[in-house]
Amino acid sequence: MASFHRALTTVREDLWKIDCPVTAMISGEDNVVGPRTLRALRSDLPHPPHIVALRRSRHVATLDFDADTIAEAVLQAARTEAAVHSPSETGE
């Protein structure tokens, strides 16, 4: 458990290095990942994350009622990034 907490500390210390859009999916009720995680993302990432609220799910949201919401949010994030970095816009 101690190594897990050390890893979390390292991740949090390095959040400022992330220079790409971040989509954070937050369950309405999660007994494992609490609101402090979202606060850390908001305060430590260099750009505000896009937040997707998963109102009908708990910790393992991909297996819960919001699986379709998660899939759509991931696809939307990928489409947005693809549009931003498309060859026609970068001159490649």
PDB file of N, CA and C in Angstrom:
ATOM      1  N   MET A   1       0.817  -1.184   0.000  1.00  0.00           N
ATOM      2  CA  MET A   1       0.000   0.000   0.000  1.00  0.00           C
ATOM      3  C   MET A   1       0.868   1.257   0.000  1.00  0.00           C
ATOM      4  N   ALA A   2       2.003   1.206   0.672  1.00  0.00           N
ATOM      5  CA  ALA A   2       2.890   2.367   0.723  1.00  0.00           C
ATOM      6  C   ALA A   2       3.408   2.725  -0.668  1.00  0.00           C
ATOM      7  N   SER A   3       3.739   1.702  -1.478  1.00  0.00           N
ATOM      8  CA  SER A   3       4.231   1.986  -2.831  1.00  0.00           C
ATOM      9  C   SER A   3       3.136   2.616  -3.686  1.00  0.00           C
ATOM     10  N   PHE A   4       1.896   2.223  -3.466  1.00  0.00           N
ATOM     11  CA  PHE A   4       0.766   2.819  -4.183  1.00  0.00           C
ATOM     12  C   PHE A   4       0.662   4.308  -3.854  1.00  0.00           C
ATOM     13  N   HIS A   5       0.772   4.651  -2.590  1.00  0.00           N
ATOM     14  CA  HIS A   5       0.683   6.054  -2.178  1.00  0.00           C
ATOM     15  C   HIS A   5       1.866   6.874  -2.700  1.00  0.00           C
ATOM     16  N   ARG A   6       3.040   6.264  -2.765  1.00  0.00           N
ATOM     17  CA  ARG A   6       4.192   6.964  -3.348  1.00  0.00           C
ATOM     18  C   ARG A   6       3.945   7.233  -4.826  1.00  0.00           C
ATOM     19  N   ALA A   7       3.387   6.254  -5.517  1.00  0.00           N
ATOM     20  CA  ALA A   7       3.085   6.435  -6.943  1.00  0.00           C
ATOM     21  C   ALA A   7       2.075   7.560  -7.144  1.00  0.00           C
ATOM     22  N   LEU A   8       1.055   7.618  -6.301  1.00  0.00           N
ATOM     23  CA  LEU A   8       0.067   8.695  -6.405  1.00  0.00           C
ATOM     24  C   LEU A   8       0.710  10.057  -6.197  1.00  0.00           C
ATOM     25  N   THR A   9       1.624  10.130  -5.265  1.00  0.00           N
ATOM     26  CA  THR A   9       2.332  11.384  -5.015  1.00  0.00           C
ATOM     27  C   THR A   9       3.120  11.800  -6.251  1.00  0.00           C
ATOM     28  N   THR A  10       3.801  10.855  -6.868  1.00  0.00           N
ATOM     29  CA  THR A  10       4.569  11.144  -8.080  1.00  0.00           C
ATOM     30  C   THR A  10       3.659  11.616  -9.199  1.00  0.00           C
ATOM     31  N   VAL A  11       2.542  10.939  -9.388  1.00  0.00           N
ATOM     32  CA  VAL A  11       1.593  11.338 -10.430  1.00  0.00           C
ATOM     33  C   VAL A  11       1.116  12.760 -10.180  1.00  0.00           C
ATOM     34  N   ARG A  12       0.719  13.046  -8.971  1.00  0.00           N
ATOM     35  CA  ARG A  12       0.218  14.393  -8.668  1.00  0.00           C
ATOM     36  C   ARG A  12       1.306  15.443  -8.896  1.00  0.00           C
ATOM     37  N   GLU A  13       2.523  15.147  -8.520  1.00  0.00           N
ATOM     38  CA  GLU A  13       3.623  16.095  -8.721  1.00  0.00           C
ATOM     39  C   GLU A  13       3.886  16.366 -10.199  1.00  0.00           C
ATOM     40  N   ASP A  14       3.544  15.414 -11.065  1.00  0.00           N
ATOM     41  CA  ASP A  14       3.826  15.556 -12.493  1.00  0.00           C
ATOM     42  C   ASP A  14       2.619  15.988 -13.328  1.00  0.00           C
ATOM     43  N   LEU A  15       1.485  16.248 -12.711  1.00  0.00           N
ATOM     44  CA  LEU A  15       0.305  16.650 -13.481  1.00  0.00           C
ATOM     45  C   LEU A  15       0.557  17.906 -14.307  1.00  0.00           C
ATOM     46  N   TRP A  16       1.355  18.815 -13.807  1.00  0.00           N
ATOM     47  CA  TRP A  16       1.627  20.063 -14.521  1.00  0.00           C
ATOM     48  C   TRP A  16       2.299  19.825 -15.868  1.00  0.00           C
ATOM     49  N   LYS A  17       2.908  18.651 -16.066  1.00  0.00           N
ATOM     50  CA  LYS A  17       3.605  18.333 -17.315  1.00  0.00           C
ATOM     51  C   LYS A  17       2.654  17.919 -18.438  1.00  0.00           C
ATOM     52  N   ILE A  18       1.419  17.627 -18.113  1.00  0.00           N
ATOM     53  CA  ILE A  18       0.461  17.158 -19.120  1.00  0.00           C
ATOM     54  C   ILE A  18       0.038  18.340 -19.980  1.00  0.00           C
ATOM     55  N   ASP A  19       0.358  18.263 -21.263  1.00  0.00           N
ATOM     56  CA  ASP A  19       0.072  19.376 -22.162  1.00  0.00           C
ATOM     57  C   ASP A  19      -0.903  18.966 -23.265  1.00  0.00           C
ATOM     58  N   CYS A  20      -1.872  18.176 -22.907  1.00  0.00           N
ATOM     59  CA  CYS A  20      -2.917  17.786 -23.844  1.00  0.00           C
ATOM     60  C   CYS A  20      -4.250  17.886 -23.108  1.00  0.00           C
ATOM     61  N   PRO A  21      -5.333  17.954 -23.848  1.00  0.00           N
ATOM     62  CA  PRO A  21      -6.636  18.029 -23.178  1.00  0.00           C
ATOM     63  C   PRO A  21      -6.885  16.794 -22.312  1.00  0.00           C
ATOM     64  N   VAL A  22      -7.510  17.014 -21.180  1.00  0.00           N
ATOM     65  CA  VAL A  22      -7.843  15.935 -20.250  1.00  0.00           C
ATOM     66  C   VAL A  22      -9.355  15.912 -20.065  1.00  0.00           C
ATOM     67  N   THR A  23      -9.937  14.740 -20.208  1.00  0.00           N
ATOM     68  CA  THR A  23     -11.349  14.536 -19.907  1.00  0.00           C
ATOM     69  C   THR A  23     -11.417  13.706 -18.642  1.00  0.00           C
ATOM     70  N   ALA A  24     -12.053  14.244 -17.619  1.00  0.00           N
ATOM     71  CA  ALA A  24     -12.206  13.538 -16.345  1.00  0.00           C
ATOM     72  C   ALA A  24     -13.658  13.123 -16.191  1.00  0.00           C
ATOM     73  N   MET A  25     -13.872  11.862 -15.903  1.00  0.00           N
ATOM     74  CA  MET A  25     -15.225  11.350 -15.709  1.00  0.00           C
ATOM     75  C   MET A  25     -15.427  11.077 -14.233  1.00  0.00           C
ATOM     76  N   ILE A  26     -16.439  11.707 -13.686  1.00  0.00           N
ATOM     77  CA  ILE A  26     -16.663  11.681 -12.248  1.00  0.00           C
ATOM     78  C   ILE A  26     -17.999  11.028 -11.945  1.00  0.00           C
ATOM     79  N   SER A  27     -17.971   9.955 -11.167  1.00  0.00           N
ATOM     80  CA  SER A  27     -19.207   9.277 -10.765  1.00  0.00           C
ATOM     81  C   SER A  27     -19.904  10.068  -9.672  1.00  0.00           C
ATOM     82  N   GLY A  28     -21.217   9.991  -9.679  1.00  0.00           N
ATOM     83  CA  GLY A  28     -21.998  10.691  -8.670  1.00  0.00           C
ATOM     84  C   GLY A  28     -21.730  10.182  -7.272  1.00  0.00           C
ATOM     85  N   GLU A  29     -21.490   8.894  -7.165  1.00  0.00           N
ATOM     86  CA  GLU A  29     -21.181   8.296  -5.864  1.00  0.00           C
ATOM     87  C   GLU A  29     -20.064   7.289  -6.059  1.00  0.00           C
ATOM     88  N   ASP A  30     -18.923   7.581  -5.460  1.00  0.00           N
ATOM     89  CA  ASP A  30     -17.754   6.721  -5.606  1.00  0.00           C
ATOM     90  C   ASP A  30     -17.074   6.620  -4.250  1.00  0.00           C
ATOM     91  N   ASN A  31     -17.030   5.426  -3.710  1.00  0.00           N
ATOM     92  CA  ASN A  31     -16.426   5.215  -2.397  1.00  0.00           C
ATOM     93  C   ASN A  31     -14.917   5.008  -2.462  1.00  0.00           C
ATOM     94  N   VAL A  32     -14.352   5.049  -3.673  1.00  0.00           N
ATOM     95  CA  VAL A  32     -12.918   4.838  -3.834  1.00  0.00           C
ATOM     96  C   VAL A  32     -12.216   6.142  -4.230  1.00  0.00           C
ATOM     97  N   VAL A  33     -12.729   6.790  -5.271  1.00  0.00           N
ATOM     98  CA  VAL A  33     -12.153   8.042  -5.759  1.00  0.00           C
ATOM     99  C   VAL A  33     -13.091   9.171  -5.366  1.00  0.00           C
ATOM    100  N   GLY A  34     -12.622  10.023  -4.478  1.00  0.00           N
ATOM    101  CA  GLY A  34     -13.474  11.085  -3.955  1.00  0.00           C
ATOM    102  C   GLY A  34     -13.288  12.420  -4.658  1.00  0.00           C
ATOM    103  N   PRO A  35     -13.996  13.434  -4.196  1.00  0.00           N
ATOM    104  CA  PRO A  35     -13.940  14.775  -4.784  1.00  0.00           C
ATOM    105  C   PRO A  35     -12.548  15.408  -4.738  1.00  0.00           C
ATOM    106  N   ARG A  36     -11.712  14.958  -3.824  1.00  0.00           N
ATOM    107  CA  ARG A  36     -10.354  15.505  -3.726  1.00  0.00           C
ATOM    108  C   ARG A  36      -9.574  15.273  -5.023  1.00  0.00           C
ATOM    109  N   THR A  37      -9.853  14.162  -5.703  1.00  0.00           N
ATOM    110  CA  THR A  37      -9.162  13.867  -6.954  1.00  0.00           C
ATOM    111  C   THR A  37      -9.482  14.917  -8.009  1.00  0.00           C
ATOM    112  N   LEU A  38     -10.742  15.287  -8.131  1.00  0.00           N
ATOM    113  CA  LEU A  38     -11.131  16.319  -9.090  1.00  0.00           C
ATOM    114  C   LEU A  38     -10.498  17.660  -8.718  1.00  0.00           C
ATOM    115  N   ARG A  39     -10.479  17.977  -7.453  1.00  0.00           N
ATOM    116  CA  ARG A  39      -9.837  19.233  -7.018  1.00  0.00           C
ATOM    117  C   ARG A  39      -8.352  19.233  -7.386  1.00  0.00           C
ATOM    118  N   ALA A  40      -7.694  18.092  -7.223  1.00  0.00           N
ATOM    119  CA  ALA A  40      -6.272  17.997  -7.579  1.00  0.00           C
ATOM    120  C   ALA A  40      -6.079  18.205  -9.076  1.00  0.00           C
ATOM    121  N   LEU A  41      -6.934  17.583  -9.879  1.00  0.00           N
ATOM    122  CA  LEU A  41      -6.830  17.770 -11.330  1.00  0.00           C
ATOM    123  C   LEU A  41      -7.022  19.230 -11.701  1.00  0.00           C
ATOM    124  N   ARG A  42      -8.040  19.831 -11.131  1.00  0.00           N
ATOM    125  CA  ARG A  42      -8.321  21.240 -11.454  1.00  0.00           C
ATOM    126  C   ARG A  42      -7.189  22.164 -11.020  1.00  0.00           C
ATOM    127  N   SER A  43      -6.560  21.867  -9.904  1.00  0.00           N
ATOM    128  CA  SER A  43      -5.517  22.774  -9.412  1.00  0.00           C
ATOM    129  C   SER A  43      -4.144  22.484 -10.005  1.00  0.00           C
ATOM    130  N   ASP A  44      -3.861  21.242 -10.381  1.00  0.00           N
ATOM    131  CA  ASP A  44      -2.505  20.880 -10.783  1.00  0.00           C
ATOM    132  C   ASP A  44      -2.295  20.718 -12.284  1.00  0.00           C
ATOM    133  N   LEU A  45      -3.363  20.511 -13.053  1.00  0.00           N
ATOM    134  CA  LEU A  45      -3.206  20.435 -14.504  1.00  0.00           C
ATOM    135  C   LEU A  45      -2.971  21.841 -15.055  1.00  0.00           C
ATOM    136  N   PRO A  46      -2.186  21.970 -16.125  1.00  0.00           N
ATOM    137  CA  PRO A  46      -1.945  23.302 -16.679  1.00  0.00           C
ATOM    138  C   PRO A  46      -3.171  23.898 -17.380  1.00  0.00           C
ATOM    139  N   HIS A  47      -4.099  23.047 -17.798  1.00  0.00           N
ATOM    140  CA  HIS A  47      -5.328  23.498 -18.458  1.00  0.00           C
ATOM    141  C   HIS A  47      -6.508  22.833 -17.757  1.00  0.00           C
ATOM    142  N   PRO A  48      -7.635  23.520 -17.638  1.00  0.00           N
ATOM    143  CA  PRO A  48      -8.789  22.915 -16.955  1.00  0.00           C
ATOM    144  C   PRO A  48      -9.260  21.647 -17.678  1.00  0.00           C
ATOM    145  N   PRO A  49      -9.559  20.598 -16.935  1.00  0.00           N
ATOM    146  CA  PRO A  49     -10.058  19.376 -17.575  1.00  0.00           C
ATOM    147  C   PRO A  49     -11.512  19.544 -18.003  1.00  0.00           C
ATOM    148  N   HIS A  50     -11.891  18.790 -19.022  1.00  0.00           N
ATOM    149  CA  HIS A  50     -13.301  18.701 -19.409  1.00  0.00           C
ATOM    150  C   HIS A  50     -13.920  17.668 -18.468  1.00  0.00           C
ATOM    151  N   ILE A  51     -14.975  18.044 -17.778  1.00  0.00           N
ATOM    152  CA  ILE A  51     -15.593  17.160 -16.789  1.00  0.00           C
ATOM    153  C   ILE A  51     -16.845  16.523 -17.372  1.00  0.00           C
ATOM    154  N   VAL A  52     -16.938  15.208 -17.249  1.00  0.00           N
ATOM    155  CA  VAL A  52     -18.136  14.469 -17.645  1.00  0.00           C
ATOM    156  C   VAL A  52     -18.720  13.863 -16.374  1.00  0.00           C
ATOM    157  N   ALA A  53     -19.937  14.263 -16.045  1.00  0.00           N
ATOM    158  CA  ALA A  53     -20.601  13.742 -14.844  1.00  0.00           C
ATOM    159  C   ALA A  53     -21.289  12.422 -15.169  1.00  0.00           C
ATOM    160  N   LEU A  54     -20.978  11.407 -14.408  1.00  0.00           N
ATOM    161  CA  LEU A  54     -21.598  10.090 -14.553  1.00  0.00           C
ATOM    162  C   LEU A  54     -22.586   9.936 -13.404  1.00  0.00           C
ATOM    163  N   ARG A  55     -23.775  10.370 -13.624  1.00  0.00           N
ATOM    164  CA  ARG A  55     -24.769  10.491 -12.552  1.00  0.00           C
ATOM    165  C   ARG A  55     -25.377   9.158 -12.096  1.00  0.00           C
ATOM    166  N   ARG A  56     -25.272   8.129 -12.940  1.00  0.00           N
ATOM    167  CA  ARG A  56     -25.938   6.873 -12.591  1.00  0.00           C
ATOM    168  C   ARG A  56     -24.964   5.754 -12.240  1.00  0.00           C
ATOM    169  N   SER A  57     -23.702   6.095 -12.089  1.00  0.00           N
ATOM    170  CA  SER A  57     -22.698   5.054 -11.883  1.00  0.00           C
ATOM    171  C   SER A  57     -21.907   5.261 -10.606  1.00  0.00           C
ATOM    172  N   ARG A  58     -21.215   4.200 -10.236  1.00  0.00           N
ATOM    173  CA  ARG A  58     -20.330   4.231  -9.073  1.00  0.00           C
ATOM    174  C   ARG A  58     -18.888   4.104  -9.553  1.00  0.00           C
ATOM    175  N   HIS A  59     -18.037   3.435  -8.795  1.00  0.00           N
ATOM    176  CA  HIS A  59     -16.605   3.409  -9.081  1.00  0.00           C
ATOM    177  C   HIS A  59     -16.255   2.754 -10.425  1.00  0.00           C
ATOM    178  N   VAL A  60     -16.815   1.618 -10.746  1.00  0.00           N
ATOM    179  CA  VAL A  60     -16.492   0.932 -12.003  1.00  0.00           C
ATOM    180  C   VAL A  60     -17.547   1.333 -13.038  1.00  0.00           C
ATOM    181  N   ALA A  61     -17.480   2.575 -13.437  1.00  0.00           N
ATOM    182  CA  ALA A  61     -18.522   3.165 -14.280  1.00  0.00           C
ATOM    183  C   ALA A  61     -18.618   2.509 -15.654  1.00  0.00           C
ATOM    184  N   THR A  62     -17.519   1.963 -16.155  1.00  0.00           N
ATOM    185  CA  THR A  62     -17.570   1.325 -17.475  1.00  0.00           C
ATOM    186  C   THR A  62     -18.452   0.084 -17.474  1.00  0.00           C
ATOM    187  N   LEU A  63     -18.704  -0.468 -16.305  1.00  0.00           N
ATOM    188  CA  LEU A  63     -19.573  -1.642 -16.195  1.00  0.00           C
ATOM    189  C   LEU A  63     -20.926  -1.279 -15.600  1.00  0.00           C
ATOM    190  N   ASP A  64     -21.185  -0.002 -15.451  1.00  0.00           N
ATOM    191  CA  ASP A  64     -22.403   0.459 -14.794  1.00  0.00           C
ATOM    192  C   ASP A  64     -23.326   1.120 -15.819  1.00  0.00           C
ATOM    193  N   PHE A  65     -24.249   1.919 -15.350  1.00  0.00           N
ATOM    194  CA  PHE A  65     -25.295   2.482 -16.196  1.00  0.00           C
ATOM    195  C   PHE A  65     -24.818   3.584 -17.137  1.00  0.00           C
ATOM    196  N   ASP A  66     -23.645   4.134 -16.928  1.00  0.00           N
ATOM    197  CA  ASP A  66     -23.152   5.232 -17.756  1.00  0.00           C
ATOM    198  C   ASP A  66     -22.128   4.793 -18.803  1.00  0.00           C
ATOM    199  N   ALA A  67     -22.064   3.523 -19.116  1.00  0.00           N
ATOM    200  CA  ALA A  67     -21.076   3.034 -20.083  1.00  0.00           C
ATOM    201  C   ALA A  67     -21.206   3.749 -21.426  1.00  0.00           C
ATOM    202  N   ASP A  68     -22.422   3.983 -21.888  1.00  0.00           N
ATOM    203  CA  ASP A  68     -22.616   4.685 -23.164  1.00  0.00           C
ATOM    204  C   ASP A  68     -22.133   6.130 -23.084  1.00  0.00           C
ATOM    205  N   THR A  69     -22.350   6.773 -21.950  1.00  0.00           N
ATOM    206  CA  THR A  69     -21.882   8.151 -21.756  1.00  0.00           C
ATOM    207  C   THR A  69     -20.360   8.198 -21.823  1.00  0.00           C
ATOM    208  N   ILE A  70     -19.709   7.220 -21.223  1.00  0.00           N
ATOM    209  CA  ILE A  70     -18.249   7.147 -21.243  1.00  0.00           C
ATOM    210  C   ILE A  70     -17.750   6.954 -22.670  1.00  0.00           C
ATOM    211  N   ALA A  71     -18.338   6.015 -23.385  1.00  0.00           N
ATOM    212  CA  ALA A  71     -17.923   5.756 -24.765  1.00  0.00           C
ATOM    213  C   ALA A  71     -18.081   7.006 -25.623  1.00  0.00           C
ATOM    214  N   GLU A  72     -19.194   7.692 -25.482  1.00  0.00           N
ATOM    215  CA  GLU A  72     -19.432   8.906 -26.267  1.00  0.00           C
ATOM    216  C   GLU A  72     -18.441  10.008 -25.898  1.00  0.00           C
ATOM    217  N   ALA A  73     -18.136  10.163 -24.619  1.00  0.00           N
ATOM    218  CA  ALA A  73     -17.180  11.191 -24.190  1.00  0.00           C
ATOM    219  C   ALA A  73     -15.780  10.909 -24.734  1.00  0.00           C
ATOM    220  N   VAL A  74     -15.375   9.643 -24.741  1.00  0.00           N
ATOM    221  CA  VAL A  74     -14.064   9.277 -25.278  1.00  0.00           C
ATOM    222  C   VAL A  74     -14.019   9.551 -26.782  1.00  0.00           C
ATOM    223  N   LEU A  75     -15.064   9.152 -27.496  1.00  0.00           N
ATOM    224  CA  LEU A  75     -15.113   9.410 -28.936  1.00  0.00           C
ATOM    225  C   LEU A  75     -15.103  10.904 -29.233  1.00  0.00           C
ATOM    226  N   GLN A  76     -15.861  11.675 -28.468  1.00  0.00           N
ATOM    227  CA  GLN A  76     -15.910  13.123 -28.672  1.00  0.00           C
ATOM    228  C   GLN A  76     -14.539  13.753 -28.433  1.00  0.00           C
ATOM    229  N   ALA A  77     -13.852  13.328 -27.390  1.00  0.00           N
ATOM    230  CA  ALA A  77     -12.514  13.858 -27.111  1.00  0.00           C
ATOM    231  C   ALA A  77     -11.552  13.512 -28.249  1.00  0.00           C
ATOM    232  N   ALA A  78     -11.629  12.285 -28.751  1.00  0.00           N
ATOM    233  CA  ALA A  78     -10.761  11.872 -29.855  1.00  0.00           C
ATOM    234  C   ALA A  78     -11.079  12.666 -31.119  1.00  0.00           C
ATOM    235  N   ARG A  79     -12.355  12.858 -31.409  1.00  0.00           N
ATOM    236  CA  ARG A  79     -12.745  13.641 -32.591  1.00  0.00           C
ATOM    237  C   ARG A  79     -12.260  15.082 -32.473  1.00  0.00           C
ATOM    238  N   THR A  80     -12.398  15.655 -31.306  1.00  0.00           N
ATOM    239  CA  THR A  80     -11.977  17.041 -31.094  1.00  0.00           C
ATOM    240  C   THR A  80     -10.478  17.177 -31.315  1.00  0.00           C
ATOM    241  N   GLU A  81      -9.707  16.276 -30.749  1.00  0.00           N
ATOM    242  CA  GLU A  81      -8.256  16.314 -30.923  1.00  0.00           C
ATOM    243  C   GLU A  81      -7.876  16.072 -32.375  1.00  0.00           C
ATOM    244  N   ALA A  82      -8.562  15.138 -33.037  1.00  0.00           N
ATOM    245  CA  ALA A  82      -8.263  14.859 -34.440  1.00  0.00           C
ATOM    246  C   ALA A  82      -8.539  16.094 -35.293  1.00  0.00           C
ATOM    247  N   ALA A  83      -9.624  16.805 -34.998  1.00  0.00           N
ATOM    248  CA  ALA A  83      -9.960  18.009 -35.759  1.00  0.00           C
ATOM    249  C   ALA A  83      -8.930  19.109 -35.520  1.00  0.00           C
ATOM    250  N   VAL A  84      -8.480  19.230 -34.294  1.00  0.00           N
ATOM    251  CA  VAL A  84      -7.495  20.262 -33.957  1.00  0.00           C
ATOM    252  C   VAL A  84      -6.168  19.992 -34.650  1.00  0.00           C
ATOM    253  N   HIS A  85      -5.810  18.735 -34.771  1.00  0.00           N
ATOM    254  CA  HIS A  85      -4.509  18.371 -35.334  1.00  0.00           C
ATOM    255  C   HIS A  85      -4.609  17.754 -36.722  1.00  0.00           C
ATOM    256  N   SER A  86      -5.662  18.046 -37.454  1.00  0.00           N
ATOM    257  CA  SER A  86      -5.810  17.466 -38.791  1.00  0.00           C
ATOM    258  C   SER A  86      -4.774  18.077 -39.732  1.00  0.00           C
ATOM    259  N   PRO A  87      -4.317  17.311 -40.718  1.00  0.00           N
ATOM    260  CA  PRO A  87      -3.300  17.811 -41.649  1.00  0.00           C
ATOM    261  C   PRO A  87      -3.718  19.097 -42.359  1.00  0.00           C
ATOM    262  N   SER A  88      -4.988  19.253 -42.657  1.00  0.00           N
ATOM    263  CA  SER A  88      -5.430  20.452 -43.371  1.00  0.00           C
ATOM    264  C   SER A  88      -5.237  21.710 -42.534  1.00  0.00           C
ATOM    265  N   GLU A  89      -5.262  21.586 -41.227  1.00  0.00           N
ATOM    266  CA  GLU A  89      -5.108  22.753 -40.363  1.00  0.00           C
ATOM    267  C   GLU A  89      -3.655  23.001 -39.973  1.00  0.00           C
ATOM    268  N   THR A  90      -2.831  21.981 -40.049  1.00  0.00           N
ATOM    269  CA  THR A  90      -1.429  22.153 -39.659  1.00  0.00           C
ATOM    270  C   THR A  90      -0.527  22.374 -40.868  1.00  0.00           C
ATOM    271  N   GLY A  91      -1.088  22.237 -42.075  1.00  0.00           N
ATOM    272  CA  GLY A  91      -0.306  22.441 -43.278  1.00  0.00           C
ATOM    273  C   GLY A  91       0.543  21.256 -43.663  1.00  0.00           C
ATOM    274  N   GLU A  92       0.300  20.113 -43.073  1.00  0.00           N
ATOM    275  CA  GLU A  92       1.085  18.908 -43.391  1.00  0.00           C
ATOM    276  C   GLU A  92       0.521  18.206 -44.593  1.00  0.00           C
TER     277      GLU A  92
END
